[in-house]
C-alpha atoms as a PDB file:
ATOM      1  CA  UNK A   1       0.030  -0.008   0.164  1.00  0.00           C
ATOM      2  CA  UNK A   2       1.528   3.511  -0.632  1.00  0.00           C
ATOM      3  CA  UNK A   3       2.120   5.863   1.636  1.00  0.00           C
ATOM      4  CA  UNK A   4      -0.880   8.042   0.054  1.00  0.00           C
ATOM      5  CA  UNK A   5      -3.733   5.211   0.409  1.00  0.00           C
ATOM      6  CA  UNK A   6      -2.537   4.363   3.844  1.00  0.00           C
ATOM      7  CA  UNK A   7      -2.832   8.057   4.729  1.00  0.00           C
ATOM      8  CA  UNK A   8      -6.544   8.073   3.614  1.00  0.00           C
ATOM      9  CA  UNK A   9      -7.148   4.799   5.405  1.00  0.00           C
ATOM     10  CA  UNK A  10      -5.707   5.851   8.855  1.00  0.00           C
ATOM     11  CA  UNK A  11      -7.672   9.385   8.329  1.00  0.00           C
ATOM     12  CA  UNK A  12     -11.115   7.466   7.824  1.00  0.00           C
ATOM     13  CA  UNK A  13     -10.195   5.262  10.587  1.00  0.00           C
ATOM     14  CA  UNK A  14      -9.832   8.159  12.605  1.00  0.00           C
ATOM     15  CA  UNK A  15     -13.260   9.705  11.721  1.00  0.00           C
ATOM     16  CA  UNK A  16     -14.826   6.181  12.196  1.00  0.00           C
ATOM     17  CA  UNK A  17     -13.328   6.352  16.007  1.00  0.00           C
ATOM     18  CA  UNK A  18     -14.201   9.527  16.521  1.00  0.00           C
ATOM     19  CA  UNK A  19     -17.910   8.758  15.471  1.00  0.00           C
ATOM     20  CA  UNK A  20     -18.169   6.026  17.762  1.00  0.00           C
ATOM     21  CA  UNK A  21     -16.828   8.230  20.815  1.00  0.00           C
ATOM     22  CA  UNK A  22     -19.250  10.628  20.246  1.00  0.00           C
ATOM     23  CA  UNK A  23     -22.304   7.906  19.806  1.00  0.00           C
ATOM     24  CA  UNK A  24     -20.894   6.534  23.099  1.00  0.00           C
ATOM     25  CA  UNK A  25     -20.646  10.070  24.897  1.00  0.00           C
ATOM     26  CA  UNK A  26     -24.422  10.701  23.571  1.00  0.00           C
ATOM     27  CA  UNK A  27     -25.505   7.677  25.250  1.00  0.00           C
ATOM     28  CA  UNK A  28     -24.071   8.149  28.381  1.00  0.00           C
ATOM     29  CA  UNK A  29     -25.349  12.005  28.636  1.00  0.00           C
ATOM     30  CA  UNK A  30     -28.872  10.450  27.756  1.00  0.00           C
ATOM     31  CA  UNK A  31     -28.809   8.009  30.645  1.00  0.00           C
ATOM     32  CA  UNK A  32     -26.677   8.683  32.861  1.00  0.00           C
ATOM     33  CA  UNK A  33     -28.148  11.161  36.018  1.00  0.00           C
ATOM     34  CA  UNK A  34     -25.093  11.537  37.586  1.00  0.00           C
ATOM     35  CA  UNK A  35     -22.539  14.425  36.597  1.00  0.00           C
ATOM     36  CA  UNK A  36     -22.522  16.346  33.383  1.00  0.00           C
ATOM     37  CA  UNK A  37     -19.120  17.182  32.567  1.00  0.00           C
ATOM     38  CA  UNK A  38     -17.198  13.600  34.140  1.00  0.00           C
ATOM     39  CA  UNK A  39     -18.963  10.871  34.780  1.00  0.00           C
ATOM     40  CA  UNK A  40     -16.457   9.037  35.940  1.00  0.00           C
ATOM     41  CA  UNK A  41     -17.970   6.010  37.528  1.00  0.00           C
ATOM     42  CA  UNK A  42     -19.470   5.055  33.917  1.00  0.00           C
ATOM     43  CA  UNK A  43     -17.437   2.457  32.118  1.00  0.00           C
ATOM     44  CA  UNK A  44     -18.995   3.732  28.849  1.00  0.00           C
ATOM     45  CA  UNK A  45     -17.556   6.718  29.150  1.00  0.00           C
ATOM     46  CA  UNK A  46     -13.960   5.716  30.082  1.00  0.00           C
ATOM     47  CA  UNK A  47     -14.839   3.444  26.680  1.00  0.00           C
ATOM     48  CA  UNK A  48     -15.570   7.335  25.004  1.00  0.00           C
ATOM     49  CA  UNK A  49     -12.259   8.154  26.110  1.00  0.00           C
ATOM     50  CA  UNK A  50     -10.464   5.429  24.939  1.00  0.00           C
ATOM     51  CA  UNK A  51     -12.126   5.938  21.318  1.00  0.00           C
ATOM     52  CA  UNK A  52     -11.169   9.405  21.317  1.00  0.00           C
ATOM     53  CA  UNK A  53      -7.303   8.694  21.931  1.00  0.00           C
ATOM     54  CA  UNK A  54      -7.522   6.184  19.287  1.00  0.00           C
ATOM     55  CA  UNK A  55      -8.870   8.663  16.940  1.00  0.00           C
ATOM     56  CA  UNK A  56      -6.340  11.089  18.006  1.00  0.00           C
ATOM     57  CA  UNK A  57      -3.427   8.866  17.519  1.00  0.00           C
ATOM     58  CA  UNK A  58      -5.224   7.509  14.096  1.00  0.00           C
ATOM     59  CA  UNK A  59      -5.044  11.009  12.990  1.00  0.00           C
ATOM     60  CA  UNK A  60      -1.579  11.690  13.761  1.00  0.00           C
ATOM     61  CA  UNK A  61      -0.142   8.616  11.847  1.00  0.00           C
ATOM     62  CA  UNK A  62      -2.454  10.048   8.688  1.00  0.00           C
ATOM     63  CA  UNK A  63      -0.443  13.236   9.089  1.00  0.00           C
ATOM     64  CA  UNK A  64       2.910  11.146   9.296  1.00  0.00           C
ATOM     65  CA  UNK A  65       2.205   9.665   5.937  1.00  0.00           C
ATOM     66  CA  UNK A  66      -0.340  12.304   4.190  1.00  0.00           C
ATOM     67  CA  UNK A  67      -0.408  15.899   3.563  1.00  0.00           C
ATOM     68  CA  UNK A  68      -2.235  17.842   5.713  1.00  0.00           C
ATOM     69  CA  UNK A  69      -4.304  19.200   2.962  1.00  0.00           C
ATOM     70  CA  UNK A  70      -5.640  15.450   2.675  1.00  0.00           C
ATOM     71  CA  UNK A  71      -6.348  14.549   6.181  1.00  0.00           C
ATOM     72  CA  UNK A  72      -7.993  17.406   7.462  1.00  0.00           C
ATOM     73  CA  UNK A  73     -10.765  17.493   5.399  1.00  0.00           C
ATOM     74  CA  UNK A  74     -11.291  13.645   5.728  1.00  0.00           C
ATOM     75  CA  UNK A  75     -11.588  14.267   9.369  1.00  0.00           C
ATOM     76  CA  UNK A  76     -14.295  16.347   8.565  1.00  0.00           C
ATOM     77  CA  UNK A  77     -16.421  12.829   7.626  1.00  0.00           C
ATOM     78  CA  UNK A  78     -16.993  12.108  11.271  1.00  0.00           C
ATOM     79  CA  UNK A  79     -20.259  13.621  11.350  1.00  0.00           C
ATOM     80  CA  UNK A  80     -21.101  11.892   8.191  1.00  0.00           C
ATOM     81  CA  UNK A  81     -20.072   8.367   9.652  1.00  0.00           C
ATOM     82  CA  UNK A  82     -21.943   9.078  12.999  1.00  0.00           C
ATOM     83  CA  UNK A  83     -25.303   9.136  11.939  1.00  0.00           C
ATOM     84  CA  UNK A  84     -25.509   5.846   9.910  1.00  0.00           C
ATOM     85  CA  UNK A  85     -23.531   4.192  12.795  1.00  0.00           C
ATOM     86  CA  UNK A  86     -25.691   5.686  15.430  1.00  0.00           C
ATOM     87  CA  UNK A  87     -28.961   4.360  13.215  1.00  0.00           C
ATOM     88  CA  UNK A  88     -27.395   1.089  13.178  1.00  0.00           C
ATOM     89  CA  UNK A  89     -26.077   0.376  16.468  1.00  0.00           C
ATOM     90  CA  UNK A  90     -28.515   2.401  18.758  1.00  0.00           C
ATOM     91  CA  UNK A  91     -31.440   2.864  16.910  1.00  0.00           C
ATOM     92  CA  UNK A  92     -31.392   6.683  16.258  1.00  0.00           C
ATOM     93  CA  UNK A  93     -32.613   7.646  13.153  1.00  0.00           C
ATOM     94  CA  UNK A  94     -31.715  11.183  11.544  1.00  0.00           C
ATOM     95  CA  UNK A  95     -34.437  12.793   9.422  1.00  0.00           C
ATOM     96  CA  UNK A  96     -33.986  14.616   6.020  1.00  0.00           C
ATOM     97  CA  UNK A  97     -33.013  17.940   7.858  1.00  0.00           C
ATOM     98  CA  UNK A  98     -30.305  16.406   9.722  1.00  0.00           C
ATOM     99  CA  UNK A  99     -28.897  14.885   7.047  1.00  0.00           C
ATOM    100  CA  UNK A 100     -28.920  17.908   5.054  1.00  0.00           C
ATOM    101  CA  UNK A 101     -27.283  19.645   7.918  1.00  0.00           C
ATOM    102  CA  UNK A 102     -24.293  17.176   8.346  1.00  0.00           C
ATOM    103  CA  UNK A 103     -23.799  16.758   4.530  1.00  0.00           C
ATOM    104  CA  UNK A 104     -23.854  20.846   4.505  1.00  0.00           C
ATOM    105  CA  UNK A 105     -21.378  20.896   7.577  1.00  0.00           C
ATOM    106  CA  UNK A 106     -19.090  18.458   5.970  1.00  0.00           C
ATOM    107  CA  UNK A 107     -19.135  19.748   2.403  1.00  0.00           C
ATOM    108  CA  UNK A 108     -18.284  23.557   3.735  1.00  0.00           C
ATOM    109  CA  UNK A 109     -15.623  22.327   6.189  1.00  0.00           C
ATOM    110  CA  UNK A 110     -13.807  19.705   3.808  1.00  0.00           C
ATOM    111  CA  UNK A 111     -14.058  22.787   1.200  1.00  0.00           C
ATOM    112  CA  UNK A 112     -12.363  25.193   3.931  1.00  0.00           C
ATOM    113  CA  UNK A 113      -9.925  22.908   4.982  1.00  0.00           C
ATOM    114  CA  UNK A 114      -8.793  21.841   1.272  1.00  0.00           C
ATOM    115  CA  UNK A 115      -8.272  25.622   0.350  1.00  0.00           C
ATOM    116  CA  UNK A 116      -5.817  26.137   3.339  1.00  0.00           C
ATOM    117  CA  UNK A 117      -2.033  26.004   2.272  1.00  0.00           C
ATOM    118  CA  UNK A 118       0.650  25.176   4.628  1.00  0.00           C
ATOM    119  CA  UNK A 119       3.192  27.710   4.853  1.00  0.00           C
ATOM    120  CA  UNK A 120       7.004  26.883   6.061  1.00  0.00           C
ATOM    121  CA  UNK A 121       6.828  25.779   9.689  1.00  0.00           C
ATOM    122  CA  UNK A 122       7.509  28.575  12.618  1.00  0.00           C
ATOM    123  CA  UNK A 123       7.187  28.109  15.992  1.00  0.00           C
ATOM    124  CA  UNK A 124       5.462  30.121  18.457  1.00  0.00           C
ATOM    125  CA  UNK A 125       7.531  32.087  20.954  1.00  0.00           C
ATOM    126  CA  UNK A 126       6.697  31.630  24.632  1.00  0.00           C
ATOM    127  CA  UNK A 127       4.969  34.800  25.063  1.00  0.00           C
ATOM    128  CA  UNK A 128       2.927  33.998  21.714  1.00  0.00           C
ATOM    129  CA  UNK A 129       2.065  30.877  23.596  1.00  0.00           C
ATOM    130  CA  UNK A 130       0.727  32.290  26.919  1.00  0.00           C
ATOM    131  CA  UNK A 131      -1.090  35.271  25.181  1.00  0.00           C
ATOM    132  CA  UNK A 132      -2.874  32.501  22.935  1.00  0.00           C
ATOM    133  CA  UNK A 133      -3.621  30.181  25.855  1.00  0.00           C
ATOM    134  CA  UNK A 134      -5.030  33.182  27.746  1.00  0.00           C
ATOM    135  CA  UNK A 135      -7.361  34.473  25.073  1.00  0.00           C
ATOM    136  CA  UNK A 136      -8.300  30.907  24.331  1.00  0.00           C
ATOM    137  CA  UNK A 137      -9.191  30.327  28.204  1.00  0.00           C
ATOM    138  CA  UNK A 138     -10.860  33.873  28.064  1.00  0.00           C
ATOM    139  CA  UNK A 139     -13.335  32.620  24.861  1.00  0.00           C
ATOM    140  CA  UNK A 140     -14.173  29.239  26.449  1.00  0.00           C
ATOM    141  CA  UNK A 141     -14.973  30.771  29.855  1.00  0.00           C
ATOM    142  CA  UNK A 142     -17.202  33.607  27.887  1.00  0.00           C
ATOM    143  CA  UNK A 143     -18.866  30.485  25.942  1.00  0.00           C
ATOM    144  CA  UNK A 144     -19.197  28.522  29.018  1.00  0.00           C
ATOM    145  CA  UNK A 145     -20.984  31.491  30.588  1.00  0.00           C
ATOM    146  CA  UNK A 146     -23.305  31.927  27.920  1.00  0.00           C
ATOM    147  CA  UNK A 147     -24.384  28.480  28.233  1.00  0.00           C
ATOM    148  CA  UNK A 148     -25.137  28.713  31.677  1.00  0.00           C
ATOM    149  CA  UNK A 149     -27.425  31.789  30.614  1.00  0.00           C
ATOM    150  CA  UNK A 150     -29.149  30.258  27.736  1.00  0.00           C
ATOM    151  CA  UNK A 151     -32.802  28.574  28.475  1.00  0.00           C
ATOM    152  CA  UNK A 152     -33.192  26.466  25.627  1.00  0.00           C
ATOM    153  CA  UNK A 153     -31.160  23.182  26.180  1.00  0.00           C
ATOM    154  CA  UNK A 154     -30.371  22.833  22.371  1.00  0.00           C
ATOM    155  CA  UNK A 155     -28.795  26.079  22.174  1.00  0.00           C
ATOM    156  CA  UNK A 156     -26.944  25.685  25.424  1.00  0.00           C
ATOM    157  CA  UNK A 157     -25.591  22.319  24.175  1.00  0.00           C
ATOM    158  CA  UNK A 158     -24.639  23.709  20.995  1.00  0.00           C
ATOM    159  CA  UNK A 159     -22.754  26.976  22.927  1.00  0.00           C
ATOM    160  CA  UNK A 160     -20.947  24.291  24.910  1.00  0.00           C
ATOM    161  CA  UNK A 161     -19.691  22.288  21.797  1.00  0.00           C
ATOM    162  CA  UNK A 162     -18.641  25.515  20.415  1.00  0.00           C
ATOM    163  CA  UNK A 163     -16.672  25.983  23.608  1.00  0.00           C
ATOM    164  CA  UNK A 164     -15.373  22.178  23.296  1.00  0.00           C
ATOM    165  CA  UNK A 165     -14.487  22.752  19.786  1.00  0.00           C
ATOM    166  CA  UNK A 166     -12.471  26.233  20.725  1.00  0.00           C
ATOM    167  CA  UNK A 167     -10.303  24.333  23.207  1.00  0.00           C
ATOM    168  CA  UNK A 168      -9.854  21.263  20.992  1.00  0.00           C
ATOM    169  CA  UNK A 169      -8.723  23.370  18.035  1.00  0.00           C
ATOM    170  CA  UNK A 170      -6.097  25.232  20.245  1.00  0.00           C
ATOM    171  CA  UNK A 171      -4.843  21.769  21.746  1.00  0.00           C
ATOM    172  CA  UNK A 172      -4.251  21.104  17.910  1.00  0.00           C
ATOM    173  CA  UNK A 173      -2.447  24.360  17.450  1.00  0.00           C
ATOM    174  CA  UNK A 174      -0.210  23.894  20.563  1.00  0.00           C
ATOM    175  CA  UNK A 175       0.447  20.503  19.578  1.00  0.00           C
ATOM    176  CA  UNK A 176       1.842  21.198  16.328  1.00  0.00           C
ATOM    177  CA  UNK A 177       4.064  23.999  17.747  1.00  0.00           C
ATOM    178  CA  UNK A 178       5.370  21.457  20.606  1.00  0.00           C
ATOM    179  CA  UNK A 179       6.272  18.712  18.139  1.00  0.00           C
ATOM    180  CA  UNK A 180       8.005  21.129  15.689  1.00  0.00           C
ATOM    181  CA  UNK A 181      10.428  22.226  19.091  1.00  0.00           C
ATOM    182  CA  UNK A 182      10.417  18.555  20.926  1.00  0.00           C
ATOM    183  CA  UNK A 183      13.660  16.791  20.653  1.00  0.00           C
ATOM    184  CA  UNK A 184      15.139  13.359  21.946  1.00  0.00           C
ATOM    185  CA  UNK A 185      17.908  15.039  23.987  1.00  0.00           C
ATOM    186  CA  UNK A 186      15.584  17.301  25.942  1.00  0.00           C
ATOM    187  CA  UNK A 187      12.235  15.208  26.143  1.00  0.00           C
ATOM    188  CA  UNK A 188      10.850  17.240  29.113  1.00  0.00           C
ATOM    189  CA  UNK A 189      12.105  20.932  27.623  1.00  0.00           C
ATOM    190  CA  UNK A 190       8.298  21.574  26.483  1.00  0.00           C
ATOM    191  CA  UNK A 191       6.807  20.480  29.797  1.00  0.00           C
ATOM    192  CA  UNK A 192       4.775  23.901  29.804  1.00  0.00           C
ATOM    193  CA  UNK A 193       3.444  23.527  26.355  1.00  0.00           C
ATOM    194  CA  UNK A 194       2.588  19.940  27.201  1.00  0.00           C
ATOM    195  CA  UNK A 195       0.862  21.079  30.378  1.00  0.00           C
ATOM    196  CA  UNK A 196      -1.259  23.741  28.355  1.00  0.00           C
ATOM    197  CA  UNK A 197      -2.151  21.667  25.487  1.00  0.00           C
ATOM    198  CA  UNK A 198      -3.300  18.861  28.083  1.00  0.00           C
ATOM    199  CA  UNK A 199      -5.285  21.150  29.972  1.00  0.00           C
ATOM    200  CA  UNK A 200      -7.228  22.255  26.761  1.00  0.00           C
ATOM    201  CA  UNK A 201      -7.629  18.648  25.666  1.00  0.00           C
ATOM    202  CA  UNK A 202      -9.384  17.706  28.737  1.00  0.00           C
ATOM    203  CA  UNK A 203     -11.246  20.785  29.155  1.00  0.00           C
ATOM    204  CA  UNK A 204     -12.558  19.877  25.481  1.00  0.00           C
ATOM    205  CA  UNK A 205     -13.589  16.500  26.613  1.00  0.00           C
ATOM    206  CA  UNK A 206     -15.637  17.364  29.518  1.00  0.00           C
ATOM    207  CA  UNK A 207     -17.355  20.107  27.633  1.00  0.00           C
ATOM    208  CA  UNK A 208     -18.017  17.986  24.946  1.00  0.00           C
ATOM    209  CA  UNK A 209     -19.440  15.352  27.142  1.00  0.00           C
ATOM    210  CA  UNK A 210     -21.889  17.837  29.030  1.00  0.00           C
ATOM    211  CA  UNK A 211     -22.931  19.224  25.467  1.00  0.00           C
ATOM    212  CA  UNK A 212     -24.755  15.863  24.349  1.00  0.00           C
ATOM    213  CA  UNK A 213     -27.043  16.182  27.263  1.00  0.00           C
ATOM    214  CA  UNK A 214     -30.487  17.097  26.069  1.00  0.00           C
ATOM    215  CA  UNK A 215     -29.292  17.839  22.335  1.00  0.00           C
ATOM    216  CA  UNK A 216     -28.886  14.529  20.719  1.00  0.00           C
ATOM    217  CA  UNK A 217     -26.187  13.655  18.940  1.00  0.00           C
ATOM    218  CA  UNK A 218     -25.677  15.648  15.512  1.00  0.00           C
ATOM    219  CA  UNK A 219     -25.880  19.091  16.428  1.00  0.00           C
ATOM    220  CA  UNK A 220     -23.131  19.114  19.211  1.00  0.00           C
ATOM    221  CA  UNK A 221     -20.890  16.642  17.243  1.00  0.00           C
ATOM    222  CA  UNK A 222     -21.296  18.842  14.121  1.00  0.00           C
ATOM    223  CA  UNK A 223     -20.422  21.788  15.986  1.00  0.00           C
ATOM    224  CA  UNK A 224     -17.212  20.686  17.724  1.00  0.00           C
ATOM    225  CA  UNK A 225     -16.111  18.985  14.234  1.00  0.00           C
ATOM    226  CA  UNK A 226     -16.515  22.158  12.513  1.00  0.00           C
ATOM    227  CA  UNK A 227     -15.511  24.670  15.257  1.00  0.00           C
ATOM    228  CA  UNK A 228     -12.276  22.649  16.271  1.00  0.00           C
ATOM    229  CA  UNK A 229     -10.768  22.749  12.723  1.00  0.00           C
ATOM    230  CA  UNK A 230     -11.651  26.408  11.909  1.00  0.00           C
ATOM    231  CA  UNK A 231     -10.112  27.595  15.059  1.00  0.00           C
ATOM    232  CA  UNK A 232      -6.712  25.873  14.161  1.00  0.00           C
ATOM    233  CA  UNK A 233      -7.008  27.227  10.584  1.00  0.00           C
ATOM    234  CA  UNK A 234      -7.400  30.684  11.775  1.00  0.00           C
ATOM    235  CA  UNK A 235      -4.551  30.618  13.860  1.00  0.00           C
ATOM    236  CA  UNK A 236      -2.485  29.070  11.266  1.00  0.00           C
ATOM    237  CA  UNK A 237      -3.684  31.903   9.194  1.00  0.00           C
ATOM    238  CA  UNK A 238      -3.120  34.637  11.760  1.00  0.00           C
ATOM    239  CA  UNK A 239       0.440  33.602  13.522  1.00  0.00           C
ATOM    240  CA  UNK A 240       1.951  30.556  11.320  1.00  0.00           C
ATOM    241  CA  UNK A 241       1.546  32.665   7.935  1.00  0.00           C
ATOM    242  CA  UNK A 242      -0.731  30.049   6.224  1.00  0.00           C
ATOM    243  CA  UNK A 243      -2.876  31.073   3.456  1.00  0.00           C
ATOM    244  CA  UNK A 244      -5.595  30.192   1.159  1.00  0.00           C
ATOM    245  CA  UNK A 245      -4.942  28.700  -2.165  1.00  0.00           C
ATOM    246  CA  UNK A 246      -5.621  30.633  -5.496  1.00  0.00           C
ATOM    247  CA  UNK A 247      -5.272  34.174  -3.999  1.00  0.00           C
ATOM    248  CA  UNK A 248      -8.603  36.590  -3.754  1.00  0.00           C
ATOM    249  CA  UNK A 249     -10.770  34.069  -5.576  1.00  0.00           C
ATOM    250  CA  UNK A 250      -9.878  30.959  -3.116  1.00  0.00           C
ATOM    251  CA  UNK A 251     -10.341  33.855  -0.252  1.00  0.00           C
ATOM    252  CA  UNK A 252     -13.525  33.956  -1.334  1.00  0.00           C
ATOM    253  CA  UNK A 253     -14.263  30.416  -2.171  1.00  0.00           C
ATOM    254  CA  UNK A 254     -13.310  29.793   1.831  1.00  0.00           C
ATOM    255  CA  UNK A 255     -15.832  32.068   2.828  1.00  0.00           C
ATOM    256  CA  UNK A 256     -18.524  30.561   1.066  1.00  0.00           C
ATOM    257  CA  UNK A 257     -17.242  27.274   2.559  1.00  0.00           C
ATOM    258  CA  UNK A 258     -17.352  28.664   5.761  1.00  0.00           C
ATOM    259  CA  UNK A 259     -20.981  29.761   5.061  1.00  0.00           C
ATOM    260  CA  UNK A 260     -22.082  26.495   4.006  1.00  0.00           C
ATOM    261  CA  UNK A 261     -20.690  24.588   7.080  1.00  0.00           C
ATOM    262  CA  UNK A 262     -22.429  27.280   9.102  1.00  0.00           C
ATOM    263  CA  UNK A 263     -26.067  26.976   7.540  1.00  0.00           C
ATOM    264  CA  UNK A 264     -25.092  23.042   7.876  1.00  0.00           C
ATOM    265  CA  UNK A 265     -24.814  23.609  11.947  1.00  0.00           C
ATOM    266  CA  UNK A 266     -27.962  25.823  11.765  1.00  0.00           C
ATOM    267  CA  UNK A 267     -30.044  23.304  10.060  1.00  0.00           C
ATOM    268  CA  UNK A 268     -28.884  20.513  12.805  1.00  0.00           C
ATOM    269  CA  UNK A 269     -29.693  22.921  15.519  1.00  0.00           C
ATOM    270  CA  UNK A 270     -33.405  23.746  14.275  1.00  0.00           C
ATOM    271  CA  UNK A 271     -34.019  20.096  13.483  1.00  0.00           C
ATOM    272  CA  UNK A 272     -33.435  19.317  16.951  1.00  0.00           C
ATOM    273  CA  UNK A 273     -35.155  22.088  18.200  1.00  0.00           C
ATOM    274  CA  UNK A 274     -38.440  21.656  16.221  1.00  0.00           C
ATOM    275  CA  UNK A 275     -37.915  17.837  16.928  1.00  0.00           C
ATOM    276  CA  UNK A 276     -41.091  16.278  18.712  1.00  0.00           C
ATOM    277  CA  UNK A 277     -39.724  15.907  22.455  1.00  0.00           C
ATOM    278  CA  UNK A 278     -39.094  12.325  23.645  1.00  0.00           C
ATOM    279  CA  UNK A 279     -41.020  10.440  26.240  1.00  0.00           C
ATOM    280  CA  UNK A 280     -39.937  11.293  29.691  1.00  0.00           C
ATOM    281  CA  UNK A 281     -39.125   8.823  32.050  1.00  0.00           C
ATOM    282  CA  UNK A 282     -41.110   8.614  35.280  1.00  0.00           C
ATOM    283  CA  UNK A 283     -39.102   7.563  38.214  1.00  0.00           C
ATOM    284  CA  UNK A 284     -41.014   4.840  40.191  1.00  0.00           C
ATOM    285  CA  UNK A 285     -42.465   6.294  43.797  1.00  0.00           C
ATOM    286  CA  UNK A 286     -41.027   4.416  46.646  1.00  0.00           C
ATOM    287  CA  UNK A 287     -44.759   3.624  47.777  1.00  0.00           C
ATOM    288  CA  UNK A 288     -45.914   0.718  46.594  1.00  0.00           C
ATOM    289  CA  UNK A 289     -49.535   2.238  46.086  1.00  0.00           C
ATOM    290  CA  UNK A 290     -48.352   5.246  44.346  1.00  0.00           C
ATOM    291  CA  UNK A 291     -50.455   5.984  41.274  1.00  0.00           C
ATOM    292  CA  UNK A 292     -49.943   8.472  38.190  1.00  0.00           C
ATOM    293  CA  UNK A 293     -53.050  10.477  37.014  1.00  0.00           C
ATOM    294  CA  UNK A 294     -53.730  11.187  33.621  1.00  0.00           C
ATOM    295  CA  UNK A 295     -54.040  14.786  32.504  1.00  0.00           C
ATOM    296  CA  UNK A 296     -57.788  14.711  32.368  1.00  0.00           C
ATOM    297  CA  UNK A 297     -57.941  13.115  36.359  1.00  0.00           C
ATOM    298  CA  UNK A 298     -58.818  15.415  38.953  1.00  0.00           C
ATOM    299  CA  UNK A 299     -57.798  14.821  42.640  1.00  0.00           C
ATOM    300  CA  UNK A 300     -59.969  11.903  44.025  1.00  0.00           C
ATOM    301  CA  UNK A 301     -60.952  12.294  47.662  1.00  0.00           C
ATOM    302  CA  UNK A 302     -60.383  10.112  50.344  1.00  0.00           C
ATOM    303  CA  UNK A 303     -62.230   8.598  53.224  1.00  0.00           C
ATOM    304  CA  UNK A 304     -63.810  11.249  55.538  1.00  0.00           C
ATOM    305  CA  UNK A 305     -63.702  13.843  52.883  1.00  0.00           C
ATOM    306  CA  UNK A 306     -66.911  15.612  52.016  1.00  0.00           C
ATOM    307  CA  UNK A 307     -68.192  15.489  48.367  1.00  0.00           C
ATOM    308  CA  UNK A 308     -70.360  17.619  46.535  1.00  0.00           C
ATOM    309  CA  UNK A 309     -72.203  15.662  44.199  1.00  0.00           C
ATOM    310  CA  UNK A 310     -74.723  18.656  43.187  1.00  0.00           C
ATOM    311  CA  UNK A 311     -78.415  18.388  42.642  1.00  0.00           C
ATOM    312  CA  UNK A 312     -79.494  15.282  40.607  1.00  0.00           C
ATOM    313  CA  UNK A 313     -82.804  15.827  38.392  1.00  0.00           C
ATOM    314  CA  UNK A 314     -85.533  13.690  38.515  1.00  0.00           C
ATOM    315  CA  UNK A 315     -86.392  10.741  41.147  1.00  0.00           C
ATOM    316  CA  UNK A 316     -83.779   8.197  41.806  1.00  0.00           C
ATOM    317  CA  UNK A 317     -85.120   6.340  44.716  1.00  0.00           C
ATOM    318  CA  UNK A 318     -82.046   4.026  44.538  1.00  0.00           C
ATOM    319  CA  UNK A 319     -79.214   6.330  43.796  1.00  0.00           C
ATOM    320  CA  UNK A 320     -76.272   5.825  46.225  1.00  0.00           C
ATOM    321  CA  UNK A 321     -73.267   7.711  46.654  1.00  0.00           C
ATOM    322  CA  UNK A 322     -70.343   5.775  48.088  1.00  0.00           C
ATOM    323  CA  UNK A 323     -67.210   7.214  49.391  1.00  0.00           C
ATOM    324  CA  UNK A 324     -64.115   4.564  49.225  1.00  0.00           C
ATOM    325  CA  UNK A 325     -60.565   5.332  49.670  1.00  0.00           C
ATOM    326  CA  UNK A 326     -59.706   6.407  46.208  1.00  0.00           C
ATOM    327  CA  UNK A 327     -63.176   6.865  44.342  1.00  0.00           C
ATOM    328  CA  UNK A 328     -66.351   7.874  44.073  1.00  0.00           C
ATOM    329  CA  UNK A 329     -68.852   5.374  42.894  1.00  0.00           C
ATOM    330  CA  UNK A 330     -72.496   6.235  41.730  1.00  0.00           C
ATOM    331  CA  UNK A 331     -74.672   3.813  41.151  1.00  0.00           C
ATOM    332  CA  UNK A 332     -78.437   3.721  40.247  1.00  0.00           C
END
């Protein structure tokens, strides 16, 4: 197998691993009543962490055998893989609008990444790293605060997913910077960079886990998938001297691709917001005789409670009103 084909295979496998991790995270968020951000006692959540690690490892391996312009757009297929996998393994089918939004987000992101051309590698100075880290933490904090204020659960989840994407994107930028300056002779020389990028990676993982609660799979996953590389690309264009191919025409095309990706995210968000609410699970009461009344039921009288049955027209000589523990029975 040629290095290019191996890179494609590794990139596709990475996208599948990320999709599987997202499905498991969404299932944990939907079923767990424990912590929203770090359900440490859930074995399934640790499986999702492992899958995310496998996806990251495969992505790095794909970059070792193929160009960034090929590997990054293939990573955008995560959301496309996730929808049929969710339908196959957990029975969660996506509607037309969800599929349309997923395809728009994937095509727009793939086009945007394919138009970004790499430049000569340049490392970040310590001042630039700390400035970048501070600005990113501030952006994540603002998004996190906004998510706490938003009332709708779907919008709150999308904002949390955007914060996770920002954290993941900055972790990618710092990974690139640390990898370029790492040497085997001084393996711990970049320990500060490793510490900061680890903090961003963990923050992104916890925020993405919280984003799946109450919003389903597609909208949060698409948001993370789009925001992550867009943030990394924006930093690359700003600090690493990267640019868009084909000059002004490429810049216009990149803006159009970005608008298409954003439109896909809007479609996915609206799909979840307008979907019929799922049946709410009702916990059983501890008392064995507790019951749940239907919407039309009125409170039933207990023994000793007076009951006004109103006037009864006509003659009813055999009418009896019997008050029992949980019901009022009338017999004629």
